[in-house]
Amino acid sequence: MAETQSTRFIDLAFSDGTPKKAFFTALVVGTVLTLINHGDVLLSGNYPPILKVLLTYCVPFCVTTWGSYLGKKANILNQQNT
């Protein structure tokens, strides 16, 4: 009988390089979004609110992590059902 894999969030979201992928995605997407959302403030020589900038980077990190989790979970469930 095959061993069943865990589908817990913590087990899947922080394995197989997911945090690293999410980090680099957040760097790219977060930078683009920061420039779109706060470019005018930056060009005027001012600093945008730091909390807003941090959240701008946090969102793509969370979305990438969540998407990876759902994909891994679906794959495990499909393998268990076949």
PDB file of N, CA and C in Angstrom:
ATOM      1  N   MET A   1       0.841  -1.188   0.000  1.00  0.00           N
ATOM      2  CA  MET A   1       0.000   0.000   0.000  1.00  0.00           C
ATOM      3  C   MET A   1       0.884   1.248   0.000  1.00  0.00           C
ATOM      4  N   ALA A   2       0.552   2.180  -0.830  1.00  0.00           N
ATOM      5  CA  ALA A   2       1.350   3.395  -0.974  1.00  0.00           C
ATOM      6  C   ALA A   2       1.179   4.309   0.234  1.00  0.00           C
ATOM      7  N   GLU A   3       2.262   4.961   0.591  1.00  0.00           N
ATOM      8  CA  GLU A   3       2.230   5.905   1.704  1.00  0.00           C
ATOM      9  C   GLU A   3       1.499   7.168   1.258  1.00  0.00           C
ATOM     10  N   THR A   4       0.617   7.679   2.086  1.00  0.00           N
ATOM     11  CA  THR A   4      -0.110   8.898   1.727  1.00  0.00           C
ATOM     12  C   THR A   4       0.726  10.108   2.129  1.00  0.00           C
ATOM     13  N   GLN A   5       0.717  11.099   1.264  1.00  0.00           N
ATOM     14  CA  GLN A   5       1.447  12.333   1.529  1.00  0.00           C
ATOM     15  C   GLN A   5       0.540  13.312   2.265  1.00  0.00           C
ATOM     16  N   SER A   6       1.165  14.144   3.071  1.00  0.00           N
ATOM     17  CA  SER A   6       0.433  15.169   3.799  1.00  0.00           C
ATOM     18  C   SER A   6      -0.043  16.261   2.843  1.00  0.00           C
ATOM     19  N   THR A   7      -1.230  16.751   3.077  1.00  0.00           N
ATOM     20  CA  THR A   7      -1.743  17.890   2.315  1.00  0.00           C
ATOM     21  C   THR A   7      -1.875  19.124   3.209  1.00  0.00           C
ATOM     22  N   ARG A   8      -1.221  19.086   4.366  1.00  0.00           N
ATOM     23  CA  ARG A   8      -1.261  20.250   5.256  1.00  0.00           C
ATOM     24  C   ARG A   8      -0.542  21.427   4.602  1.00  0.00           C
ATOM     25  N   PHE A   9      -1.078  22.617   4.827  1.00  0.00           N
ATOM     26  CA  PHE A   9      -0.515  23.828   4.230  1.00  0.00           C
ATOM     27  C   PHE A   9       0.965  23.974   4.565  1.00  0.00           C
ATOM     28  N   ILE A  10       1.315  23.853   5.817  1.00  0.00           N
ATOM     29  CA  ILE A  10       2.694  24.091   6.248  1.00  0.00           C
ATOM     30  C   ILE A  10       3.654  23.104   5.586  1.00  0.00           C
ATOM     31  N   ASP A  11       3.201  21.870   5.377  1.00  0.00           N
ATOM     32  CA  ASP A  11       4.061  20.857   4.758  1.00  0.00           C
ATOM     33  C   ASP A  11       4.310  21.139   3.285  1.00  0.00           C
ATOM     34  N   LEU A  12       3.308  21.625   2.583  1.00  0.00           N
ATOM     35  CA  LEU A  12       3.428  21.840   1.143  1.00  0.00           C
ATOM     36  C   LEU A  12       3.933  23.232   0.780  1.00  0.00           C
ATOM     37  N   ALA A  13       3.533  24.232   1.538  1.00  0.00           N
ATOM     38  CA  ALA A  13       3.876  25.616   1.190  1.00  0.00           C
ATOM     39  C   ALA A  13       5.348  25.930   1.421  1.00  0.00           C
ATOM     40  N   PHE A  14       5.985  25.199   2.305  1.00  0.00           N
ATOM     41  CA  PHE A  14       7.377  25.500   2.641  1.00  0.00           C
ATOM     42  C   PHE A  14       8.312  24.357   2.270  1.00  0.00           C
ATOM     43  N   SER A  15       7.987  23.672   1.165  1.00  0.00           N
ATOM     44  CA  SER A  15       8.836  22.595   0.666  1.00  0.00           C
ATOM     45  C   SER A  15       9.101  22.793  -0.817  1.00  0.00           C
ATOM     46  N   ASP A  16      10.040  22.026  -1.331  1.00  0.00           N
ATOM     47  CA  ASP A  16      10.349  22.006  -2.765  1.00  0.00           C
ATOM     48  C   ASP A  16      10.703  23.376  -3.337  1.00  0.00           C
ATOM     49  N   GLY A  17      11.312  24.223  -2.551  1.00  0.00           N
ATOM     50  CA  GLY A  17      11.765  25.514  -3.062  1.00  0.00           C
ATOM     51  C   GLY A  17      10.682  26.566  -3.225  1.00  0.00           C
ATOM     52  N   THR A  18       9.503  26.314  -2.689  1.00  0.00           N
ATOM     53  CA  THR A  18       8.409  27.275  -2.836  1.00  0.00           C
ATOM     54  C   THR A  18       8.743  28.642  -2.237  1.00  0.00           C
ATOM     55  N   PRO A  19       9.297  28.721  -1.031  1.00  0.00           N
ATOM     56  CA  PRO A  19       9.614  30.058  -0.491  1.00  0.00           C
ATOM     57  C   PRO A  19      10.603  30.836  -1.362  1.00  0.00           C
ATOM     58  N   LYS A  20      11.582  30.136  -1.928  1.00  0.00           N
ATOM     59  CA  LYS A  20      12.559  30.803  -2.786  1.00  0.00           C
ATOM     60  C   LYS A  20      11.886  31.335  -4.052  1.00  0.00           C
ATOM     61  N   LYS A  21      11.045  30.521  -4.668  1.00  0.00           N
ATOM     62  CA  LYS A  21      10.322  30.949  -5.868  1.00  0.00           C
ATOM     63  C   LYS A  21       9.407  32.129  -5.545  1.00  0.00           C
ATOM     64  N   ALA A  22       8.725  32.040  -4.419  1.00  0.00           N
ATOM     65  CA  ALA A  22       7.813  33.110  -4.019  1.00  0.00           C
ATOM     66  C   ALA A  22       8.582  34.398  -3.736  1.00  0.00           C
ATOM     67  N   PHE A  23       9.765  34.272  -3.143  1.00  0.00           N
ATOM     68  CA  PHE A  23      10.588  35.440  -2.849  1.00  0.00           C
ATOM     69  C   PHE A  23      10.998  36.165  -4.131  1.00  0.00           C
ATOM     70  N   PHE A  24      11.492  35.403  -5.112  1.00  0.00           N
ATOM     71  CA  PHE A  24      11.926  36.041  -6.360  1.00  0.00           C
ATOM     72  C   PHE A  24      10.747  36.596  -7.154  1.00  0.00           C
ATOM     73  N   THR A  25       9.613  35.923  -7.094  1.00  0.00           N
ATOM     74  CA  THR A  25       8.408  36.458  -7.731  1.00  0.00           C
ATOM     75  C   THR A  25       8.007  37.773  -7.075  1.00  0.00           C
ATOM     76  N   ALA A  26       8.058  37.802  -5.742  1.00  0.00           N
ATOM     77  CA  ALA A  26       7.706  39.020  -5.010  1.00  0.00           C
ATOM     78  C   ALA A  26       8.658  40.160  -5.339  1.00  0.00           C
ATOM     79  N   LEU A  27       9.949  39.848  -5.520  1.00  0.00           N
ATOM     80  CA  LEU A  27      10.903  40.899  -5.881  1.00  0.00           C
ATOM     81  C   LEU A  27      10.551  41.543  -7.216  1.00  0.00           C
ATOM     82  N   VAL A  28      10.253  40.718  -8.200  1.00  0.00           N
ATOM     83  CA  VAL A  28       9.962  41.237  -9.536  1.00  0.00           C
ATOM     84  C   VAL A  28       8.604  41.933  -9.557  1.00  0.00           C
ATOM     85  N   VAL A  29       7.572  41.211  -9.154  1.00  0.00           N
ATOM     86  CA  VAL A  29       6.209  41.754  -9.221  1.00  0.00           C
ATOM     87  C   VAL A  29       6.047  42.912  -8.243  1.00  0.00           C
ATOM     88  N   GLY A  30       6.605  42.792  -7.050  1.00  0.00           N
ATOM     89  CA  GLY A  30       6.513  43.863  -6.060  1.00  0.00           C
ATOM     90  C   GLY A  30       7.176  45.141  -6.526  1.00  0.00           C
ATOM     91  N   THR A  31       8.315  45.005  -7.202  1.00  0.00           N
ATOM     92  CA  THR A  31       9.005  46.189  -7.725  1.00  0.00           C
ATOM     93  C   THR A  31       8.180  46.865  -8.814  1.00  0.00           C
ATOM     94  N   VAL A  32       7.635  46.067  -9.722  1.00  0.00           N
ATOM     95  CA  VAL A  32       6.792  46.634 -10.788  1.00  0.00           C
ATOM     96  C   VAL A  32       5.580  47.336 -10.179  1.00  0.00           C
ATOM     97  N   LEU A  33       4.917  46.687  -9.234  1.00  0.00           N
ATOM     98  CA  LEU A  33       3.731  47.293  -8.612  1.00  0.00           C
ATOM     99  C   LEU A  33       4.085  48.545  -7.812  1.00  0.00           C
ATOM    100  N   THR A  34       5.239  48.526  -7.148  1.00  0.00           N
ATOM    101  CA  THR A  34       5.668  49.712  -6.400  1.00  0.00           C
ATOM    102  C   THR A  34       5.889  50.883  -7.343  1.00  0.00           C
ATOM    103  N   LEU A  35       6.529  50.610  -8.485  1.00  0.00           N
ATOM    104  CA  LEU A  35       6.747  51.684  -9.458  1.00  0.00           C
ATOM    105  C   LEU A  35       5.427  52.195 -10.034  1.00  0.00           C
ATOM    106  N   ILE A  36       4.487  51.283 -10.281  1.00  0.00           N
ATOM    107  CA  ILE A  36       3.179  51.708 -10.802  1.00  0.00           C
ATOM    108  C   ILE A  36       2.422  52.519  -9.760  1.00  0.00           C
ATOM    109  N   ASN A  37       2.379  52.010  -8.537  1.00  0.00           N
ATOM    110  CA  ASN A  37       1.550  52.633  -7.502  1.00  0.00           C
ATOM    111  C   ASN A  37       2.189  53.852  -6.843  1.00  0.00           C
ATOM    112  N   HIS A  38       3.521  53.875  -6.781  1.00  0.00           N
ATOM    113  CA  HIS A  38       4.198  54.943  -6.037  1.00  0.00           C
ATOM    114  C   HIS A  38       5.255  55.659  -6.857  1.00  0.00           C
ATOM    115  N   GLY A  39       5.263  55.435  -8.156  1.00  0.00           N
ATOM    116  CA  GLY A  39       6.272  56.049  -9.014  1.00  0.00           C
ATOM    117  C   GLY A  39       6.269  57.555  -8.964  1.00  0.00           C
ATOM    118  N   ASP A  40       5.090  58.149  -8.925  1.00  0.00           N
ATOM    119  CA  ASP A  40       5.006  59.610  -8.881  1.00  0.00           C
ATOM    120  C   ASP A  40       5.612  60.165  -7.601  1.00  0.00           C
ATOM    121  N   VAL A  41       5.394  59.467  -6.498  1.00  0.00           N
ATOM    122  CA  VAL A  41       5.955  59.904  -5.214  1.00  0.00           C
ATOM    123  C   VAL A  41       7.477  59.766  -5.243  1.00  0.00           C
ATOM    124  N   LEU A  42       7.958  58.645  -5.781  1.00  0.00           N
ATOM    125  CA  LEU A  42       9.399  58.428  -5.861  1.00  0.00           C
ATOM    126  C   LEU A  42      10.074  59.446  -6.778  1.00  0.00           C
ATOM    127  N   LEU A  43       9.452  59.741  -7.918  1.00  0.00           N
ATOM    128  CA  LEU A  43      10.023  60.704  -8.856  1.00  0.00           C
ATOM    129  C   LEU A  43      10.055  62.127  -8.296  1.00  0.00           C
ATOM    130  N   SER A  44       9.144  62.407  -7.374  1.00  0.00           N
ATOM    131  CA  SER A  44       9.142  63.740  -6.761  1.00  0.00           C
ATOM    132  C   SER A  44      10.183  63.854  -5.644  1.00  0.00           C
ATOM    133  N   GLY A  45      10.903  62.750  -5.379  1.00  0.00           N
ATOM    134  CA  GLY A  45      11.959  62.790  -4.365  1.00  0.00           C
ATOM    135  C   GLY A  45      11.494  62.446  -2.972  1.00  0.00           C
ATOM    136  N   ASN A  46      10.271  62.001  -2.837  1.00  0.00           N
ATOM    137  CA  ASN A  46       9.734  61.639  -1.528  1.00  0.00           C
ATOM    138  C   ASN A  46       9.693  60.119  -1.383  1.00  0.00           C
ATOM    139  N   TYR A  47       9.430  59.671  -0.171  1.00  0.00           N
ATOM    140  CA  TYR A  47       9.303  58.257   0.104  1.00  0.00           C
ATOM    141  C   TYR A  47       7.838  57.901   0.310  1.00  0.00           C
ATOM    142  N   PRO A  48       7.366  56.842  -0.318  1.00  0.00           N
ATOM    143  CA  PRO A  48       5.991  56.403  -0.071  1.00  0.00           C
ATOM    144  C   PRO A  48       5.910  55.771   1.320  1.00  0.00           C
ATOM    145  N   PRO A  49       4.698  55.624   1.853  1.00  0.00           N
ATOM    146  CA  PRO A  49       4.551  54.976   3.166  1.00  0.00           C
ATOM    147  C   PRO A  49       5.139  53.563   3.141  1.00  0.00           C
ATOM    148  N   ILE A  50       6.039  53.292   4.065  1.00  0.00           N
ATOM    149  CA  ILE A  50       6.767  52.030   4.074  1.00  0.00           C
ATOM    150  C   ILE A  50       5.830  50.826   4.218  1.00  0.00           C
ATOM    151  N   LEU A  51       4.767  50.961   4.996  1.00  0.00           N
ATOM    152  CA  LEU A  51       3.824  49.849   5.170  1.00  0.00           C
ATOM    153  C   LEU A  51       3.174  49.476   3.845  1.00  0.00           C
ATOM    154  N   LYS A  52       2.813  50.469   3.055  1.00  0.00           N
ATOM    155  CA  LYS A  52       2.209  50.192   1.748  1.00  0.00           C
ATOM    156  C   LYS A  52       3.193  49.495   0.818  1.00  0.00           C
ATOM    157  N   VAL A  53       4.444  49.907   0.871  1.00  0.00           N
ATOM    158  CA  VAL A  53       5.462  49.275   0.024  1.00  0.00           C
ATOM    159  C   VAL A  53       5.683  47.830   0.469  1.00  0.00           C
ATOM    160  N   LEU A  54       5.765  47.590   1.763  1.00  0.00           N
ATOM    161  CA  LEU A  54       5.940  46.221   2.269  1.00  0.00           C
ATOM    162  C   LEU A  54       4.769  45.328   1.875  1.00  0.00           C
ATOM    163  N   LEU A  55       3.559  45.858   1.963  1.00  0.00           N
ATOM    164  CA  LEU A  55       2.380  45.078   1.556  1.00  0.00           C
ATOM    165  C   LEU A  55       2.390  44.802   0.057  1.00  0.00           C
ATOM    166  N   THR A  56       2.926  45.745  -0.709  1.00  0.00           N
ATOM    167  CA  THR A  56       3.026  45.565  -2.156  1.00  0.00           C
ATOM    168  C   THR A  56       3.923  44.381  -2.495  1.00  0.00           C
ATOM    169  N   TYR A  57       4.939  44.131  -1.697  1.00  0.00           N
ATOM    170  CA  TYR A  57       5.817  42.975  -1.897  1.00  0.00           C
ATOM    171  C   TYR A  57       5.227  41.711  -1.264  1.00  0.00           C
ATOM    172  N   CYS A  58       4.489  41.873  -0.193  1.00  0.00           N
ATOM    173  CA  CYS A  58       3.928  40.726   0.518  1.00  0.00           C
ATOM    174  C   CYS A  58       2.839  40.014  -0.296  1.00  0.00           C
ATOM    175  N   VAL A  59       2.041  40.767  -1.010  1.00  0.00           N
ATOM    176  CA  VAL A  59       0.921  40.183  -1.753  1.00  0.00           C
ATOM    177  C   VAL A  59       1.383  39.172  -2.804  1.00  0.00           C
ATOM    178  N   PRO A  60       2.330  39.504  -3.694  1.00  0.00           N
ATOM    179  CA  PRO A  60       2.748  38.477  -4.661  1.00  0.00           C
ATOM    180  C   PRO A  60       3.434  37.275  -4.004  1.00  0.00           C
ATOM    181  N   PHE A  61       4.103  37.495  -2.870  1.00  0.00           N
ATOM    182  CA  PHE A  61       4.697  36.368  -2.147  1.00  0.00           C
ATOM    183  C   PHE A  61       3.598  35.420  -1.673  1.00  0.00           C
ATOM    184  N   CYS A  62       2.556  35.972  -1.083  1.00  0.00           N
ATOM    185  CA  CYS A  62       1.454  35.149  -0.578  1.00  0.00           C
ATOM    186  C   CYS A  62       0.692  34.464  -1.716  1.00  0.00           C
ATOM    187  N   VAL A  63       0.466  35.168  -2.795  1.00  0.00           N
ATOM    188  CA  VAL A  63      -0.261  34.591  -3.930  1.00  0.00           C
ATOM    189  C   VAL A  63       0.535  33.440  -4.548  1.00  0.00           C
ATOM    190  N   THR A  64       1.836  33.611  -4.705  1.00  0.00           N
ATOM    191  CA  THR A  64       2.667  32.548  -5.255  1.00  0.00           C
ATOM    192  C   THR A  64       2.678  31.332  -4.332  1.00  0.00           C
ATOM    193  N   THR A  65       2.805  31.565  -3.040  1.00  0.00           N
ATOM    194  CA  THR A  65       2.810  30.476  -2.075  1.00  0.00           C
ATOM    195  C   THR A  65       1.478  29.737  -2.082  1.00  0.00           C
ATOM    196  N   TRP A  66       0.382  30.461  -2.098  1.00  0.00           N
ATOM    197  CA  TRP A  66      -0.952  29.854  -2.097  1.00  0.00           C
ATOM    198  C   TRP A  66      -1.185  29.050  -3.377  1.00  0.00           C
ATOM    199  N   GLY A  67      -0.805  29.597  -4.505  1.00  0.00           N
ATOM    200  CA  GLY A  67      -0.968  28.887  -5.769  1.00  0.00           C
ATOM    201  C   GLY A  67      -0.148  27.607  -5.808  1.00  0.00           C
ATOM    202  N   SER A  68       1.055  27.659  -5.289  1.00  0.00           N
ATOM    203  CA  SER A  68       1.908  26.474  -5.230  1.00  0.00           C
ATOM    204  C   SER A  68       1.288  25.417  -4.318  1.00  0.00           C
ATOM    205  N   TYR A  69       0.795  25.843  -3.185  1.00  0.00           N
ATOM    206  CA  TYR A  69       0.136  24.919  -2.256  1.00  0.00           C
ATOM    207  C   TYR A  69      -1.049  24.227  -2.922  1.00  0.00           C
ATOM    208  N   LEU A  70      -1.909  25.010  -3.563  1.00  0.00           N
ATOM    209  CA  LEU A  70      -3.092  24.418  -4.200  1.00  0.00           C
ATOM    210  C   LEU A  70      -2.708  23.446  -5.307  1.00  0.00           C
ATOM    211  N   GLY A  71      -1.693  23.789  -6.086  1.00  0.00           N
ATOM    212  CA  GLY A  71      -1.238  22.900  -7.150  1.00  0.00           C
ATOM    213  C   GLY A  71      -0.674  21.598  -6.614  1.00  0.00           C
ATOM    214  N   LYS A  72       0.156  21.692  -5.582  1.00  0.00           N
ATOM    215  CA  LYS A  72       0.727  20.483  -4.986  1.00  0.00           C
ATOM    216  C   LYS A  72      -0.358  19.616  -4.354  1.00  0.00           C
ATOM    217  N   LYS A  73      -1.310  20.251  -3.670  1.00  0.00           N
ATOM    218  CA  LYS A  73      -2.387  19.511  -3.026  1.00  0.00           C
ATOM    219  C   LYS A  73      -3.239  18.791  -4.064  1.00  0.00           C
ATOM    220  N   ALA A  74      -3.580  19.468  -5.148  1.00  0.00           N
ATOM    221  CA  ALA A  74      -4.386  18.845  -6.206  1.00  0.00           C
ATOM    222  C   ALA A  74      -3.636  17.665  -6.817  1.00  0.00           C
ATOM    223  N   ASN A  75      -2.339  17.817  -7.012  1.00  0.00           N
ATOM    224  CA  ASN A  75      -1.535  16.733  -7.567  1.00  0.00           C
ATOM    225  C   ASN A  75      -1.530  15.515  -6.640  1.00  0.00           C
ATOM    226  N   ILE A  76      -1.360  15.745  -5.348  1.00  0.00           N
ATOM    227  CA  ILE A  76      -1.364  14.652  -4.369  1.00  0.00           C
ATOM    228  C   ILE A  76      -2.718  13.961  -4.355  1.00  0.00           C
ATOM    229  N   LEU A  77      -3.794  14.736  -4.338  1.00  0.00           N
ATOM    230  CA  LEU A  77      -5.137  14.148  -4.290  1.00  0.00           C
ATOM    231  C   LEU A  77      -5.435  13.359  -5.566  1.00  0.00           C
ATOM    232  N   ASN A  78      -4.980  13.860  -6.707  1.00  0.00           N
ATOM    233  CA  ASN A  78      -5.169  13.121  -7.954  1.00  0.00           C
ATOM    234  C   ASN A  78      -4.409  11.802  -7.940  1.00  0.00           C
ATOM    235  N   GLN A  79      -3.204  11.802  -7.403  1.00  0.00           N
ATOM    236  CA  GLN A  79      -2.411  10.583  -7.333  1.00  0.00           C
ATOM    237  C   GLN A  79      -3.025   9.580  -6.378  1.00  0.00           C
ATOM    238  N   GLN A  80      -3.637  10.058  -5.294  1.00  0.00           N
ATOM    239  CA  GLN A  80      -4.258   9.164  -4.324  1.00  0.00           C
ATOM    240  C   GLN A  80      -5.538   8.555  -4.869  1.00  0.00           C
ATOM    241  N   ASN A  81      -6.225   9.264  -5.778  1.00  0.00           N
ATOM    242  CA  ASN A  81      -7.487   8.773  -6.315  1.00  0.00           C
ATOM    243  C   ASN A  81      -7.303   7.833  -7.498  1.00  0.00           C
ATOM    244  N   THR A  82      -6.080   7.765  -8.027  1.00  0.00           N
ATOM    245  CA  THR A  82      -5.872   6.860  -9.165  1.00  0.00           C
ATOM    246  C   THR A  82      -5.251   5.563  -8.760  1.00  0.00           C
TER     247      THR A  82
END
